[in-house]
Amino acid sequence: MQVSAAASTGQASAVTNNRGMSALSSEDFMNLLIKQLQLQDPMEPMGNEEMMKQMAIIRELEMNTRLTERLEQLTDQQRFGSAAVLIGRHVKGTLTDANGNKFTVEGQVQSVVFTSKGEIMLELDTGQTLPLAKLEEVKDPPAAAAATAGADPAASNSTATSTAADVKTNVLKTLRSLL
């Protein structure tokens, strides 16, 4: 017997109407399954095969949710690592104020911060912040550029290279933990 989500429970119906079917959690799905079992026709009960199919769907939903969460974590780590390489570098970008006027923000990156919305903000030595998405130019700091003008280029990039290698190592460790 087929029982629709709307007929089986008002709570599940509200969930599907407000967020769509893709927003059903494994708990919501389990509640629907239990309600379906309670309301099924005793003369035509759900077969074991149908029950196993629905349990497999629940498992798949849980695994997809976990995988999505892990991939989001990995992406955040990679983004943060990429932004952290900018610490100590001179950056420049253009922002727009509330009136639509464009202005340039530049300075040496002192720290990297994630906002609650997941945006990466570069905190500059000038006291200003620059969203990573608005970054237009990256240079060595003026003092470091002058000091390394006659130095070996490979030596001046050793910090950035070691940081990139650390990020790569962390990404690989995270990927291995997922497998």
Protein backbone atom coordinates (compact mmCIF):
# COMPACT_ATOMS: atom_id res chain seq x y z
CA MET A 1 0.00 0.00 0.00
CA GLN A 2 1.34 3.44 -0.88
CA VAL A 3 1.16 6.10 1.82
CA SER A 4 2.17 9.61 0.84
CA ALA A 5 4.32 11.76 3.08
CA ALA A 6 1.47 14.23 3.47
CA ALA A 7 -0.97 11.54 4.57
CA SER A 8 1.38 9.78 6.95
CA THR A 9 2.41 12.65 9.18
CA GLY A 10 1.79 16.37 9.37
CA GLN A 11 5.27 17.05 10.70
CA ALA A 12 6.98 15.32 7.78
CA SER A 13 4.64 17.11 5.40
CA ALA A 14 5.72 20.45 6.84
CA VAL A 15 9.35 19.45 6.43
CA THR A 16 8.91 18.54 2.77
CA ASN A 17 6.84 21.63 1.98
CA ASN A 18 9.25 24.10 3.58
CA ARG A 19 12.59 22.62 2.56
CA GLY A 20 11.88 20.17 -0.26
CA MET A 21 12.41 16.41 -0.34
CA SER A 22 16.20 16.79 -0.50
CA ALA A 23 16.16 18.31 2.99
CA LEU A 24 14.81 15.14 4.62
CA SER A 25 17.24 13.84 7.20
CA SER A 26 17.67 10.17 7.95
CA GLU A 27 15.61 10.75 11.11
CA ASP A 28 12.77 12.27 9.06
CA PHE A 29 12.95 9.38 6.64
CA MET A 30 12.88 6.84 9.51
CA ASN A 31 9.83 8.60 11.01
CA LEU A 32 8.08 8.37 7.64
CA LEU A 33 8.91 4.67 7.39
CA ILE A 34 7.59 3.97 10.90
CA LYS A 35 4.42 5.94 10.21
CA GLN A 36 3.98 4.05 6.94
CA LEU A 37 4.32 0.73 8.79
CA GLN A 38 1.75 1.85 11.36
CA LEU A 39 -0.75 2.91 8.71
CA GLN A 40 -0.25 0.07 6.24
CA ASP A 41 -3.05 -2.25 5.25
CA PRO A 42 -2.76 -5.38 7.46
CA MET A 43 -4.07 -7.43 4.55
CA GLU A 44 -1.21 -6.21 2.31
CA PRO A 45 1.80 -5.51 4.59
CA MET A 46 5.07 -4.17 3.24
CA GLY A 47 7.33 -7.01 2.13
CA ASN A 48 10.84 -7.61 3.41
CA GLU A 49 12.29 -6.61 0.04
CA GLU A 50 10.55 -3.22 0.13
CA MET A 51 11.65 -2.70 3.74
CA MET A 52 15.28 -3.49 2.82
CA LYS A 53 15.15 -1.04 -0.12
CA GLN A 54 13.98 1.72 2.18
CA MET A 55 16.64 0.90 4.78
CA ALA A 56 19.27 1.03 2.03
CA ILE A 57 18.01 4.48 1.06
CA ILE A 58 18.40 5.63 4.66
CA ARG A 59 21.98 4.31 4.76
CA GLU A 60 22.82 5.97 1.46
CA LEU A 61 21.37 9.26 2.69
CA GLU A 62 23.48 9.12 5.86
CA MET A 63 26.66 8.29 3.91
CA ASN A 64 26.04 11.13 1.44
CA THR A 65 25.49 13.54 4.31
CA ARG A 66 28.75 12.48 6.00
CA LEU A 67 30.66 12.70 2.73
CA THR A 68 29.29 16.18 2.05
CA GLU A 69 30.30 17.34 5.53
CA ARG A 70 33.82 15.94 5.12
CA LEU A 71 34.23 17.53 1.71
CA GLU A 72 33.09 20.89 3.12
CA GLN A 73 35.68 20.55 5.90
CA LEU A 74 38.37 19.67 3.38
CA THR A 75 37.44 22.62 1.18
CA ASP A 76 37.54 24.99 4.16
CA GLN A 77 40.97 23.67 5.18
CA GLN A 78 42.28 24.10 1.66
CA ARG A 79 40.86 27.63 1.36
CA PHE A 80 42.26 28.60 4.76
CA GLY A 81 45.66 27.14 3.90
CA SER A 82 45.74 28.99 0.61
CA ALA A 83 44.85 32.27 2.33
CA ALA A 84 47.38 31.70 5.13
CA VAL A 85 50.17 31.77 2.56
CA LEU A 86 49.36 35.47 2.14
CA ILE A 87 50.36 36.35 5.72
CA GLY A 88 53.27 38.78 5.55
CA ARG A 89 52.62 39.61 1.89
CA HIS A 90 51.56 43.02 0.57
CA VAL A 91 48.08 42.83 -0.98
CA LYS A 92 45.81 45.22 -2.82
CA GLY A 93 42.13 45.12 -3.73
CA THR A 94 39.22 47.35 -4.66
CA LEU A 95 36.08 47.60 -2.54
CA THR A 96 32.81 49.44 -3.03
CA ASP A 97 31.20 51.46 -0.22
CA ALA A 98 27.46 51.74 0.52
CA ASN A 99 27.14 54.67 -1.92
CA GLY A 100 28.68 52.70 -4.79
CA ASN A 101 32.03 54.50 -4.64
CA LYS A 102 35.08 52.33 -5.31
CA PHE A 103 38.18 52.64 -3.16
CA THR A 104 41.47 50.79 -2.91
CA VAL A 105 42.55 48.88 0.17
CA GLU A 106 46.14 47.76 0.53
CA GLY A 107 48.57 46.69 3.18
CA GLN A 108 50.51 43.79 4.59
CA VAL A 109 48.42 40.78 5.65
CA GLN A 110 48.62 40.28 9.42
CA SER A 111 46.03 37.49 9.80
CA VAL A 112 43.36 35.48 8.05
CA VAL A 113 39.82 35.18 9.45
CA PHE A 114 36.74 33.17 8.41
CA THR A 115 33.42 35.00 8.75
CA SER A 116 30.27 33.21 9.91
CA LYS A 117 29.21 33.06 6.24
CA GLY A 118 32.42 31.22 5.30
CA GLU A 119 34.09 34.19 3.61
CA ILE A 120 37.82 34.63 4.06
CA MET A 121 38.90 38.07 5.25
CA LEU A 122 42.47 39.32 5.22
CA GLU A 123 43.29 41.59 8.16
CA LEU A 124 45.86 44.17 7.10
CA ASP A 125 48.47 46.15 9.03
CA THR A 126 46.50 49.30 8.17
CA GLY A 127 43.61 48.09 10.35
CA GLN A 128 41.44 47.42 7.30
CA THR A 129 40.07 44.08 6.14
CA LEU A 130 40.02 42.85 2.57
CA PRO A 131 37.77 40.00 1.44
CA LEU A 132 39.85 37.37 -0.33
CA ALA A 133 37.36 37.47 -3.21
CA LYS A 134 38.30 41.15 -3.82
CA LEU A 135 42.06 40.49 -3.92
CA GLU A 136 43.65 41.95 -7.06
CA GLU A 137 47.37 42.02 -6.38
CA VAL A 138 49.90 40.23 -4.16
CA LYS A 139 53.51 41.33 -3.71
CA ASP A 140 56.34 40.73 -1.32
CA PRO A 141 56.35 43.42 1.39
CA PRO A 142 58.39 46.47 0.29
CA ALA A 143 61.16 45.89 2.87
CA ALA A 144 61.41 42.18 2.03
CA ALA A 145 61.39 42.89 -1.71
CA ALA A 146 64.32 45.32 -1.33
CA ALA A 147 66.25 42.93 0.92
CA THR A 148 65.81 39.99 -1.43
CA ALA A 149 66.46 41.92 -4.65
CA GLY A 150 69.97 40.48 -4.88
CA ALA A 151 69.20 37.24 -3.04
CA ASP A 152 68.53 33.80 -4.43
CA PRO A 153 64.85 33.66 -5.62
CA ALA A 154 64.48 30.09 -4.37
CA ALA A 155 65.48 31.20 -0.86
CA SER A 156 62.90 34.00 -0.78
CA ASN A 157 60.10 31.59 -1.68
CA SER A 158 61.05 28.95 0.91
CA THR A 159 58.38 30.08 3.41
CA ALA A 160 55.61 30.03 0.82
CA THR A 161 56.82 26.67 -0.51
CA SER A 162 56.97 25.06 2.92
CA THR A 163 53.51 26.41 3.76
CA ALA A 164 52.11 25.07 0.49
CA ALA A 165 53.75 21.70 1.22
CA ASP A 166 52.18 21.70 4.70
CA VAL A 167 48.76 22.41 3.20
CA LYS A 168 49.24 19.61 0.67
CA THR A 169 50.24 17.21 3.45
CA ASN A 170 47.18 18.16 5.53
CA VAL A 171 44.87 17.74 2.52
CA LEU A 172 46.31 14.30 1.79
CA LYS A 173 45.90 13.23 5.44
CA THR A 174 42.28 14.36 5.41
CA LEU A 175 41.59 12.50 2.17
CA ARG A 176 43.15 9.33 3.58
CA SER A 177 40.96 9.58 6.68
CA LEU A 178 37.90 9.73 4.43
CA LEU A 179 38.83 6.49 2.71
